[in-house]
Amino acid sequence: DQVFAEPQAVARGLTVEQTRPDLNAPVRTVASPIR
């Protein structure tokens, strides 16, 4: 939770929500920091 709330992660848009067919909720993952 702290990773996703980290100001640098928020500013760089590093949170990605994706859907997996076997789950009923989105999965939060960390986007690549590479640009």
PDB file of all heavy atoms in Angstrom:
ATOM      1  N   ASP A   1       0.823  -1.208   0.000  1.00  0.00           N
ATOM      2  CA  ASP A   1       0.000   0.000   0.000  1.00  0.00           C
ATOM      3  C   ASP A   1       0.860   1.263   0.000  1.00  0.00           C
ATOM      4  O   ASP A   1       0.531   2.249  -0.664  1.00  0.00           O
ATOM      5  CB  ASP A   1      -0.957   0.007   1.187  1.00  0.00           C
ATOM      6  CG  ASP A   1      -2.101  -0.973   1.029  1.00  0.00           C
ATOM      7  OD1 ASP A   1      -2.377  -1.395  -0.115  1.00  0.00           O
ATOM      8  OD2 ASP A   1      -2.730  -1.329   2.048  1.00  0.00           O
ATOM      9  N   GLN A   2       1.960   1.242   0.746  1.00  0.00           N
ATOM     10  CA  GLN A   2       2.848   2.403   0.778  1.00  0.00           C
ATOM     11  C   GLN A   2       3.524   2.629  -0.568  1.00  0.00           C
ATOM     12  O   GLN A   2       3.742   3.774  -0.960  1.00  0.00           O
ATOM     13  CB  GLN A   2       3.901   2.233   1.880  1.00  0.00           C
ATOM     14  CG  GLN A   2       3.332   2.334   3.278  1.00  0.00           C
ATOM     15  CD  GLN A   2       4.318   1.879   4.344  1.00  0.00           C
ATOM     16  OE1 GLN A   2       5.163   1.026   4.110  1.00  0.00           O
ATOM     17  NE2 GLN A   2       4.197   2.465   5.534  1.00  0.00           N
ATOM     18  N   VAL A   3       3.842   1.556  -1.262  1.00  0.00           N
ATOM     19  CA  VAL A   3       4.459   1.696  -2.588  1.00  0.00           C
ATOM     20  C   VAL A   3       3.533   2.473  -3.511  1.00  0.00           C
ATOM     21  O   VAL A   3       3.948   3.411  -4.193  1.00  0.00           O
ATOM     22  CB  VAL A   3       4.775   0.311  -3.200  1.00  0.00           C
ATOM     23  CG1 VAL A   3       5.115   0.428  -4.685  1.00  0.00           C
ATOM     24  CG2 VAL A   3       5.909  -0.360  -2.449  1.00  0.00           C
ATOM     25  N   PHE A   4       2.270   2.108  -3.535  1.00  0.00           N
ATOM     26  CA  PHE A   4       1.326   2.765  -4.434  1.00  0.00           C
ATOM     27  C   PHE A   4       1.010   4.200  -4.008  1.00  0.00           C
ATOM     28  O   PHE A   4       0.609   5.013  -4.837  1.00  0.00           O
ATOM     29  CB  PHE A   4       0.044   1.947  -4.556  1.00  0.00           C
ATOM     30  CG  PHE A   4       0.230   0.678  -5.353  1.00  0.00           C
ATOM     31  CD1 PHE A   4       0.104  -0.555  -4.754  1.00  0.00           C
ATOM     32  CD2 PHE A   4       0.555   0.719  -6.697  1.00  0.00           C
ATOM     33  CE1 PHE A   4       0.284  -1.733  -5.475  1.00  0.00           C
ATOM     34  CE2 PHE A   4       0.740  -0.446  -7.434  1.00  0.00           C
ATOM     35  CZ  PHE A   4       0.607  -1.672  -6.824  1.00  0.00           C
ATOM     36  N   ALA A   5       1.202   4.522  -2.727  1.00  0.00           N
ATOM     37  CA  ALA A   5       0.939   5.874  -2.234  1.00  0.00           C
ATOM     38  C   ALA A   5       2.180   6.760  -2.265  1.00  0.00           C
ATOM     39  O   ALA A   5       2.085   7.969  -2.034  1.00  0.00           O
ATOM     40  CB  ALA A   5       0.390   5.804  -0.804  1.00  0.00           C
ATOM     41  N   GLU A   6       3.338   6.190  -2.542  1.00  0.00           N
ATOM     42  CA  GLU A   6       4.597   6.943  -2.568  1.00  0.00           C
ATOM     43  C   GLU A   6       4.464   8.105  -3.552  1.00  0.00           C
ATOM     44  O   GLU A   6       4.083   7.909  -4.712  1.00  0.00           O
ATOM     45  CB  GLU A   6       5.735   6.005  -2.982  1.00  0.00           C
ATOM     46  CG  GLU A   6       7.093   6.625  -2.977  1.00  0.00           C
ATOM     47  CD  GLU A   6       7.607   6.940  -1.588  1.00  0.00           C
ATOM     48  OE1 GLU A   6       7.324   6.191  -0.637  1.00  0.00           O
ATOM     49  OE2 GLU A   6       8.306   7.959  -1.468  1.00  0.00           O
ATOM     50  N   PRO A   7       4.747   9.330  -3.119  1.00  0.00           N
ATOM     51  CA  PRO A   7       4.554  10.495  -3.998  1.00  0.00           C
ATOM     52  C   PRO A   7       5.235  10.368  -5.362  1.00  0.00           C
ATOM     53  O   PRO A   7       4.673  10.765  -6.381  1.00  0.00           O
ATOM     54  CB  PRO A   7       5.147  11.651  -3.187  1.00  0.00           C
ATOM     55  CG  PRO A   7       4.988  11.221  -1.762  1.00  0.00           C
ATOM     56  CD  PRO A   7       5.186   9.732  -1.770  1.00  0.00           C
ATOM     57  N   GLN A   8       6.424   9.806  -5.406  1.00  0.00           N
ATOM     58  CA  GLN A   8       7.131   9.661  -6.673  1.00  0.00           C
ATOM     59  C   GLN A   8       6.402   8.676  -7.597  1.00  0.00           C
ATOM     60  O   GLN A   8       6.300   8.897  -8.804  1.00  0.00           O
ATOM     61  CB  GLN A   8       8.557   9.198  -6.410  1.00  0.00           C
ATOM     62  CG  GLN A   8       9.504   9.350  -7.562  1.00  0.00           C
ATOM     63  CD  GLN A   8       9.683  10.773  -8.050  1.00  0.00           C
ATOM     64  OE1 GLN A   8       9.152  11.109  -9.096  1.00  0.00           O
ATOM     65  NE2 GLN A   8      10.411  11.592  -7.326  1.00  0.00           N
ATOM     66  N   ALA A   9       5.871   7.594  -7.009  1.00  0.00           N
ATOM     67  CA  ALA A   9       5.122   6.611  -7.800  1.00  0.00           C
ATOM     68  C   ALA A   9       3.833   7.228  -8.347  1.00  0.00           C
ATOM     69  O   ALA A   9       3.457   6.989  -9.495  1.00  0.00           O
ATOM     70  CB  ALA A   9       4.812   5.376  -6.965  1.00  0.00           C
ATOM     71  N   VAL A  10       3.174   8.032  -7.517  1.00  0.00           N
ATOM     72  CA  VAL A  10       1.940   8.700  -7.953  1.00  0.00           C
ATOM     73  C   VAL A  10       2.255   9.695  -9.067  1.00  0.00           C
ATOM     74  O   VAL A  10       1.592   9.708 -10.104  1.00  0.00           O
ATOM     75  CB  VAL A  10       1.252   9.400  -6.757  1.00  0.00           C
ATOM     76  CG1 VAL A  10       0.088  10.264  -7.225  1.00  0.00           C
ATOM     77  CG2 VAL A  10       0.781   8.374  -5.740  1.00  0.00           C
ATOM     78  N   ALA A  11       3.293  10.505  -8.874  1.00  0.00           N
ATOM     79  CA  ALA A  11       3.643  11.531  -9.862  1.00  0.00           C
ATOM     80  C   ALA A  11       4.041  10.923 -11.207  1.00  0.00           C
ATOM     81  O   ALA A  11       3.748  11.499 -12.255  1.00  0.00           O
ATOM     82  CB  ALA A  11       4.786  12.399  -9.327  1.00  0.00           C
ATOM     83  N   ARG A  12       4.667   9.755 -11.168  1.00  0.00           N
ATOM     84  CA  ARG A  12       5.111   9.119 -12.411  1.00  0.00           C
ATOM     85  C   ARG A  12       4.052   8.182 -12.999  1.00  0.00           C
ATOM     86  O   ARG A  12       4.270   7.570 -14.035  1.00  0.00           O
ATOM     87  CB  ARG A  12       6.402   8.348 -12.170  1.00  0.00           C
ATOM     88  CG  ARG A  12       7.544   9.304 -11.788  1.00  0.00           C
ATOM     89  CD  ARG A  12       8.889   8.669 -11.854  1.00  0.00           C
ATOM     90  NE  ARG A  12       9.194   8.353 -13.248  1.00  0.00           N
ATOM     91  CZ  ARG A  12      10.010   7.381 -13.610  1.00  0.00           C
ATOM     92  NH1 ARG A  12      10.603   6.639 -12.705  1.00  0.00           N
ATOM     93  NH2 ARG A  12      10.261   7.137 -14.873  1.00  0.00           N
ATOM     94  N   GLY A  13       2.898   8.056 -12.325  1.00  0.00           N
ATOM     95  CA  GLY A  13       1.820   7.209 -12.839  1.00  0.00           C
ATOM     96  C   GLY A  13       2.211   5.746 -12.888  1.00  0.00           C
ATOM     97  O   GLY A  13       1.915   5.054 -13.863  1.00  0.00           O
ATOM     98  N   LEU A  14       2.843   5.245 -11.831  1.00  0.00           N
ATOM     99  CA  LEU A  14       3.358   3.881 -11.834  1.00  0.00           C
ATOM    100  C   LEU A  14       2.352   2.822 -11.385  1.00  0.00           C
ATOM    101  O   LEU A  14       2.691   1.649 -11.346  1.00  0.00           O
ATOM    102  CB  LEU A  14       4.627   3.794 -10.976  1.00  0.00           C
ATOM    103  CG  LEU A  14       5.808   4.616 -11.493  1.00  0.00           C
ATOM    104  CD1 LEU A  14       7.011   4.451 -10.572  1.00  0.00           C
ATOM    105  CD2 LEU A  14       6.168   4.233 -12.911  1.00  0.00           C
ATOM    106  N   THR A  15       1.145   3.222 -11.062  1.00  0.00           N
ATOM    107  CA  THR A  15       0.125   2.243 -10.693  1.00  0.00           C
ATOM    108  C   THR A  15      -0.682   1.856 -11.923  1.00  0.00           C
ATOM    109  O   THR A  15      -1.163   2.724 -12.662  1.00  0.00           O
ATOM    110  CB  THR A  15      -0.831   2.812  -9.624  1.00  0.00           C
ATOM    111  OG1 THR A  15      -0.075   3.179  -8.481  1.00  0.00           O
ATOM    112  CG2 THR A  15      -1.881   1.793  -9.226  1.00  0.00           C
ATOM    113  N   VAL A  16      -0.805   0.566 -12.140  1.00  0.00           N
ATOM    114  CA  VAL A  16      -1.586   0.052 -13.269  1.00  0.00           C
ATOM    115  C   VAL A  16      -2.618  -0.910 -12.704  1.00  0.00           C
ATOM    116  O   VAL A  16      -2.296  -1.757 -11.874  1.00  0.00           O
ATOM    117  CB  VAL A  16      -0.683  -0.703 -14.271  1.00  0.00           C
ATOM    118  CG1 VAL A  16      -1.504  -1.326 -15.380  1.00  0.00           C
ATOM    119  CG2 VAL A  16       0.373   0.217 -14.832  1.00  0.00           C
ATOM    120  N   GLU A  17      -3.856  -0.771 -13.123  1.00  0.00           N
ATOM    121  CA  GLU A  17      -4.899  -1.726 -12.740  1.00  0.00           C
ATOM    122  C   GLU A  17      -5.246  -2.557 -13.958  1.00  0.00           C
ATOM    123  O   GLU A  17      -5.533  -2.019 -15.036  1.00  0.00           O
ATOM    124  CB  GLU A  17      -6.128  -1.009 -12.198  1.00  0.00           C
ATOM    125  CG  GLU A  17      -5.917  -0.456 -10.812  1.00  0.00           C
ATOM    126  CD  GLU A  17      -7.216  -0.107 -10.098  1.00  0.00           C
ATOM    127  OE1 GLU A  17      -8.306  -0.332 -10.659  1.00  0.00           O
ATOM    128  OE2 GLU A  17      -7.118   0.392  -8.976  1.00  0.00           O
ATOM    129  N   GLN A  18      -5.203  -3.867 -13.772  1.00  0.00           N
ATOM    130  CA  GLN A  18      -5.518  -4.793 -14.858  1.00  0.00           C
ATOM    131  C   GLN A  18      -6.511  -5.829 -14.355  1.00  0.00           C
ATOM    132  O   GLN A  18      -6.605  -6.087 -13.162  1.00  0.00           O
ATOM    133  CB  GLN A  18      -4.240  -5.469 -15.351  1.00  0.00           C
ATOM    134  CG  GLN A  18      -3.250  -4.489 -15.941  1.00  0.00           C
ATOM    135  CD  GLN A  18      -1.944  -5.148 -16.291  1.00  0.00           C
ATOM    136  OE1 GLN A  18      -1.382  -5.858 -15.492  1.00  0.00           O
ATOM    137  NE2 GLN A  18      -1.475  -4.900 -17.502  1.00  0.00           N
ATOM    138  N   THR A  19      -7.229  -6.430 -15.285  1.00  0.00           N
ATOM    139  CA  THR A  19      -8.213  -7.443 -14.939  1.00  0.00           C
ATOM    140  C   THR A  19      -7.691  -8.814 -15.322  1.00  0.00           C
ATOM    141  O   THR A  19      -7.165  -8.991 -16.428  1.00  0.00           O
ATOM    142  CB  THR A  19      -9.539  -7.170 -15.668  1.00  0.00           C
ATOM    143  OG1 THR A  19      -9.975  -5.853 -15.315  1.00  0.00           O
ATOM    144  CG2 THR A  19     -10.590  -8.177 -15.265  1.00  0.00           C
ATOM    145  N   ARG A  20      -7.836  -9.747 -14.406  1.00  0.00           N
ATOM    146  CA  ARG A  20      -7.505 -11.143 -14.703  1.00  0.00           C
ATOM    147  C   ARG A  20      -8.803 -11.922 -14.732  1.00  0.00           C
ATOM    148  O   ARG A  20      -9.663 -11.744 -13.872  1.00  0.00           O
ATOM    149  CB  ARG A  20      -6.599 -11.709 -13.588  1.00  0.00           C
ATOM    150  CG  ARG A  20      -5.196 -11.835 -14.032  1.00  0.00           C
ATOM    151  CD  ARG A  20      -4.257 -12.495 -13.104  1.00  0.00           C
ATOM    152  NE  ARG A  20      -4.780 -13.489 -12.197  1.00  0.00           N
ATOM    153  CZ  ARG A  20      -4.153 -13.879 -11.101  1.00  0.00           C
ATOM    154  NH1 ARG A  20      -2.998 -13.366 -10.774  1.00  0.00           N
ATOM    155  NH2 ARG A  20      -4.668 -14.789 -10.327  1.00  0.00           N
ATOM    156  N   PRO A  21      -8.974 -12.826 -15.700  1.00  0.00           N
ATOM    157  CA  PRO A  21     -10.236 -13.557 -15.838  1.00  0.00           C
ATOM    158  C   PRO A  21     -10.609 -14.379 -14.608  1.00  0.00           C
ATOM    159  O   PRO A  21     -11.790 -14.570 -14.329  1.00  0.00           O
ATOM    160  CB  PRO A  21      -9.992 -14.476 -17.028  1.00  0.00           C
ATOM    161  CG  PRO A  21      -8.831 -13.919 -17.755  1.00  0.00           C
ATOM    162  CD  PRO A  21      -8.020 -13.146 -16.758  1.00  0.00           C
ATOM    163  N   ASP A  22      -9.630 -14.845 -13.842  1.00  0.00           N
ATOM    164  CA  ASP A  22      -9.935 -15.710 -12.708  1.00  0.00           C
ATOM    165  C   ASP A  22     -10.236 -14.946 -11.423  1.00  0.00           C
ATOM    166  O   ASP A  22     -10.548 -15.546 -10.401  1.00  0.00           O
ATOM    167  CB  ASP A  22      -8.787 -16.695 -12.468  1.00  0.00           C
ATOM    168  CG  ASP A  22      -7.476 -15.996 -12.142  1.00  0.00           C
ATOM    169  OD1 ASP A  22      -7.241 -14.885 -12.653  1.00  0.00           O
ATOM    170  OD2 ASP A  22      -6.687 -16.567 -11.369  1.00  0.00           O
ATOM    171  N   LEU A  23     -10.152 -13.628 -11.448  1.00  0.00           N
ATOM    172  CA  LEU A  23     -10.412 -12.815 -10.255  1.00  0.00           C
ATOM    173  C   LEU A  23     -11.620 -11.919 -10.472  1.00  0.00           C
ATOM    174  O   LEU A  23     -11.916 -11.518 -11.589  1.00  0.00           O
ATOM    175  CB  LEU A  23      -9.186 -11.966  -9.909  1.00  0.00           C
ATOM    176  CG  LEU A  23      -7.905 -12.737  -9.586  1.00  0.00           C
ATOM    177  CD1 LEU A  23      -6.756 -11.764  -9.368  1.00  0.00           C
ATOM    178  CD2 LEU A  23      -8.097 -13.620  -8.365  1.00  0.00           C
ATOM    179  N   ASN A  24     -12.268 -11.577  -9.387  1.00  0.00           N
ATOM    180  CA  ASN A  24     -13.448 -10.713  -9.477  1.00  0.00           C
ATOM    181  C   ASN A  24     -13.121  -9.251  -9.256  1.00  0.00           C
ATOM    182  O   ASN A  24     -14.015  -8.427  -9.194  1.00  0.00           O
ATOM    183  CB  ASN A  24     -14.498 -11.154  -8.458  1.00  0.00           C
ATOM    184  CG  ASN A  24     -15.075 -12.502  -8.792  1.00  0.00           C
ATOM    185  OD1 ASN A  24     -15.140 -12.878  -9.952  1.00  0.00           O
ATOM    186  ND2 ASN A  24     -15.473 -13.249  -7.774  1.00  0.00           N
ATOM    187  N   ALA A  25     -11.840  -8.931  -9.088  1.00  0.00           N
ATOM    188  CA  ALA A  25     -11.448  -7.550  -8.818  1.00  0.00           C
ATOM    189  C   ALA A  25     -10.211  -7.214  -9.639  1.00  0.00           C
ATOM    190  O   ALA A  25      -9.446  -8.102 -10.011  1.00  0.00           O
ATOM    191  CB  ALA A  25     -11.154  -7.385  -7.332  1.00  0.00           C
ATOM    192  N   PRO A  26     -10.015  -5.941  -9.906  1.00  0.00           N
ATOM    193  CA  PRO A  26      -8.807  -5.546 -10.630  1.00  0.00           C
ATOM    194  C   PRO A  26      -7.557  -5.858  -9.797  1.00  0.00           C
ATOM    195  O   PRO A  26      -7.605  -5.883  -8.572  1.00  0.00           O
ATOM    196  CB  PRO A  26      -8.957  -4.031 -10.811  1.00  0.00           C
ATOM    197  CG  PRO A  26     -10.312  -3.681 -10.356  1.00  0.00           C
ATOM    198  CD  PRO A  26     -10.869  -4.823  -9.591  1.00  0.00           C
ATOM    199  N   VAL A  27      -6.457  -6.081 -10.480  1.00  0.00           N
ATOM    200  CA  VAL A  27      -5.179  -6.323  -9.838  1.00  0.00           C
ATOM    201  C   VAL A  27      -4.331  -5.069 -10.020  1.00  0.00           C
ATOM    202  O   VAL A  27      -4.145  -4.601 -11.146  1.00  0.00           O
ATOM    203  CB  VAL A  27      -4.460  -7.525 -10.486  1.00  0.00           C
ATOM    204  CG1 VAL A  27      -3.091  -7.727  -9.886  1.00  0.00           C
ATOM    205  CG2 VAL A  27      -5.302  -8.779 -10.372  1.00  0.00           C
ATOM    206  N   ARG A  28      -3.846  -4.530  -8.904  1.00  0.00           N
ATOM    207  CA  ARG A  28      -2.944  -3.376  -8.991  1.00  0.00           C
ATOM    208  C   ARG A  28      -1.522  -3.888  -9.159  1.00  0.00           C
ATOM    209  O   ARG A  28      -1.066  -4.744  -8.410  1.00  0.00           O
ATOM    210  CB  ARG A  28      -3.010  -2.516  -7.723  1.00  0.00           C
ATOM    211  CG  ARG A  28      -4.186  -1.622  -7.662  1.00  0.00           C
ATOM    212  CD  ARG A  28      -4.085  -0.586  -6.578  1.00  0.00           C
ATOM    213  NE  ARG A  28      -3.628  -1.138  -5.300  1.00  0.00           N
ATOM    214  CZ  ARG A  28      -3.364  -0.415  -4.226  1.00  0.00           C
ATOM    215  NH1 ARG A  28      -3.484   0.884  -4.260  1.00  0.00           N
ATOM    216  NH2 ARG A  28      -2.973  -0.990  -3.120  1.00  0.00           N
ATOM    217  N   THR A  29      -0.834  -3.350 -10.151  1.00  0.00           N
ATOM    218  CA  THR A  29       0.559  -3.699 -10.372  1.00  0.00           C
ATOM    219  C   THR A  29       1.360  -2.417 -10.554  1.00  0.00           C
ATOM    220  O   THR A  29       0.792  -1.330 -10.688  1.00  0.00           O
ATOM    221  CB  THR A  29       0.734  -4.592 -11.619  1.00  0.00           C
ATOM    222  OG1 THR A  29       0.300  -3.878 -12.767  1.00  0.00           O
ATOM    223  CG2 THR A  29      -0.042  -5.885 -11.493  1.00  0.00           C
ATOM    224  N   VAL A  30       2.661  -2.563 -10.545  1.00  0.00           N
ATOM    225  CA  VAL A  30       3.541  -1.424 -10.725  1.00  0.00           C
ATOM    226  C   VAL A  30       4.004  -1.399 -12.176  1.00  0.00           C
ATOM    227  O   VAL A  30       4.513  -2.391 -12.693  1.00  0.00           O
ATOM    228  CB  VAL A  30       4.760  -1.518  -9.775  1.00  0.00           C
ATOM    229  CG1 VAL A  30       5.695  -0.343  -9.985  1.00  0.00           C
ATOM    230  CG2 VAL A  30       4.306  -1.578  -8.330  1.00  0.00           C
ATOM    231  N   ALA A  31       3.798  -0.273 -12.814  1.00  0.00           N
ATOM    232  CA  ALA A  31       4.234  -0.102 -14.202  1.00  0.00           C
ATOM    233  C   ALA A  31       5.751  -0.017 -14.250  1.00  0.00           C
ATOM    234  O   ALA A  31       6.404   0.323 -13.270  1.00  0.00           O
ATOM    235  CB  ALA A  31       3.618   1.166 -14.782  1.00  0.00           C
ATOM    236  N   SER A  32       6.296  -0.288 -15.393  1.00  0.00           N
ATOM    237  CA  SER A  32       7.733  -0.136 -15.581  1.00  0.00           C
ATOM    238  C   SER A  32       8.112   1.337 -15.437  1.00  0.00           C
ATOM    239  O   SER A  32       7.451   2.214 -16.010  1.00  0.00           O
ATOM    240  CB  SER A  32       8.134  -0.625 -16.973  1.00  0.00           C
ATOM    241  OG  SER A  32       9.495  -0.328 -17.202  1.00  0.00           O
ATOM    242  N   PRO A  33       9.161   1.635 -14.695  1.00  0.00           N
ATOM    243  CA  PRO A  33       9.597   3.029 -14.585  1.00  0.00           C
ATOM    244  C   PRO A  33      10.396   3.483 -15.806  1.00  0.00           C
ATOM    245  O   PRO A  33      10.714   4.651 -15.940  1.00  0.00           O
ATOM    246  CB  PRO A  33      10.490   3.003 -13.336  1.00  0.00           C
ATOM    247  CG  PRO A  33      11.015   1.613 -13.287  1.00  0.00           C
ATOM    248  CD  PRO A  33       9.925   0.737 -13.837  1.00  0.00           C
ATOM    249  N   ILE A  34      10.683   2.570 -16.718  1.00  0.00           N
ATOM    250  CA  ILE A  34      11.482   2.879 -17.908  1.00  0.00           C
ATOM    251  C   ILE A  34      10.622   3.637 -18.911  1.00  0.00           C
ATOM    252  O   ILE A  34       9.480   3.268 -19.189  1.00  0.00           O
ATOM    253  CB  ILE A  34      12.039   1.590 -18.535  1.00  0.00           C
ATOM    254  CG1 ILE A  34      12.968   0.891 -17.536  1.00  0.00           C
ATOM    255  CG2 ILE A  34      12.749   1.887 -19.842  1.00  0.00           C
ATOM    256  CD1 ILE A  34      13.383  -0.501 -17.946  1.00  0.00           C
ATOM    257  N   ARG A  35      11.177   4.692 -19.450  1.00  0.00           N
ATOM    258  CA  ARG A  35      10.500   5.489 -20.471  1.00  0.00           C
ATOM    259  C   ARG A  35      11.368   5.471 -21.730  1.00  0.00           C
ATOM    260  O   ARG A  35      12.583   5.647 -21.650  1.00  0.00           O
ATOM    261  CB  ARG A  35      10.319   6.944 -20.018  1.00  0.00           C
ATOM    262  CG  ARG A  35       9.528   7.098 -18.712  1.00  0.00           C
ATOM    263  CD  ARG A  35       8.078   6.756 -18.925  1.00  0.00           C
ATOM    264  NE  ARG A  35       7.262   7.079 -17.773  1.00  0.00           N
ATOM    265  CZ  ARG A  35       6.807   6.192 -16.910  1.00  0.00           C
ATOM    266  NH1 ARG A  35       7.116   4.925 -17.040  1.00  0.00           N
ATOM    267  NH2 ARG A  35       6.041   6.550 -15.911  1.00  0.00           N
TER     268      ARG A  35
END
